[in-house]
Amino acid sequence: MRLVSAEGHEVPVLAHLTYDARDPYAVIVGFTHGGCVYAEWRLDRDMLWDGMRGPVGEGDVRMWPSLNGSRQELCIELLGETVFSVWAPSLERFLAASYAAVPAGQENLDELDVFLAELLAAG
């Protein structure tokens, strides 16, 4: 993943994507350095998938496909200020694996209710 400045300069950042079937609508992006997690964002799985095919989102999170030379990317804008670019083929493989684990439309809401109850109880 790369951070894109307002001037168009790009800086590589270390990010880890995770998917948990207990929270089937989300992909977690963790930004790490030296074994420490500095930030985690919860992004909508379907929005990531759709964003690789066309612009999606409004408000705090927007995504769109981009071509950087011959490199296919997904741009993710957060809070109208920060833009990250992700190599689209790698993200597509990750998302395909998540859809193989929990197909779209077959998300189990009972598990989601249990997960949300645990999350609310912990926080």
Foldseek 3Di string as FASTA:
>chain_A
DWWAAPVGDTDDFDWDWDADLLQLQWIKIFTDDPPDTPDIDTDGLVQLVVQLVAWDDDAAWIWHWDQDPPFIWIWIHGRNHIIDIDRVVVVVVVSVVSCVVPPPPRRDVVSNVVVVVVVVVVD
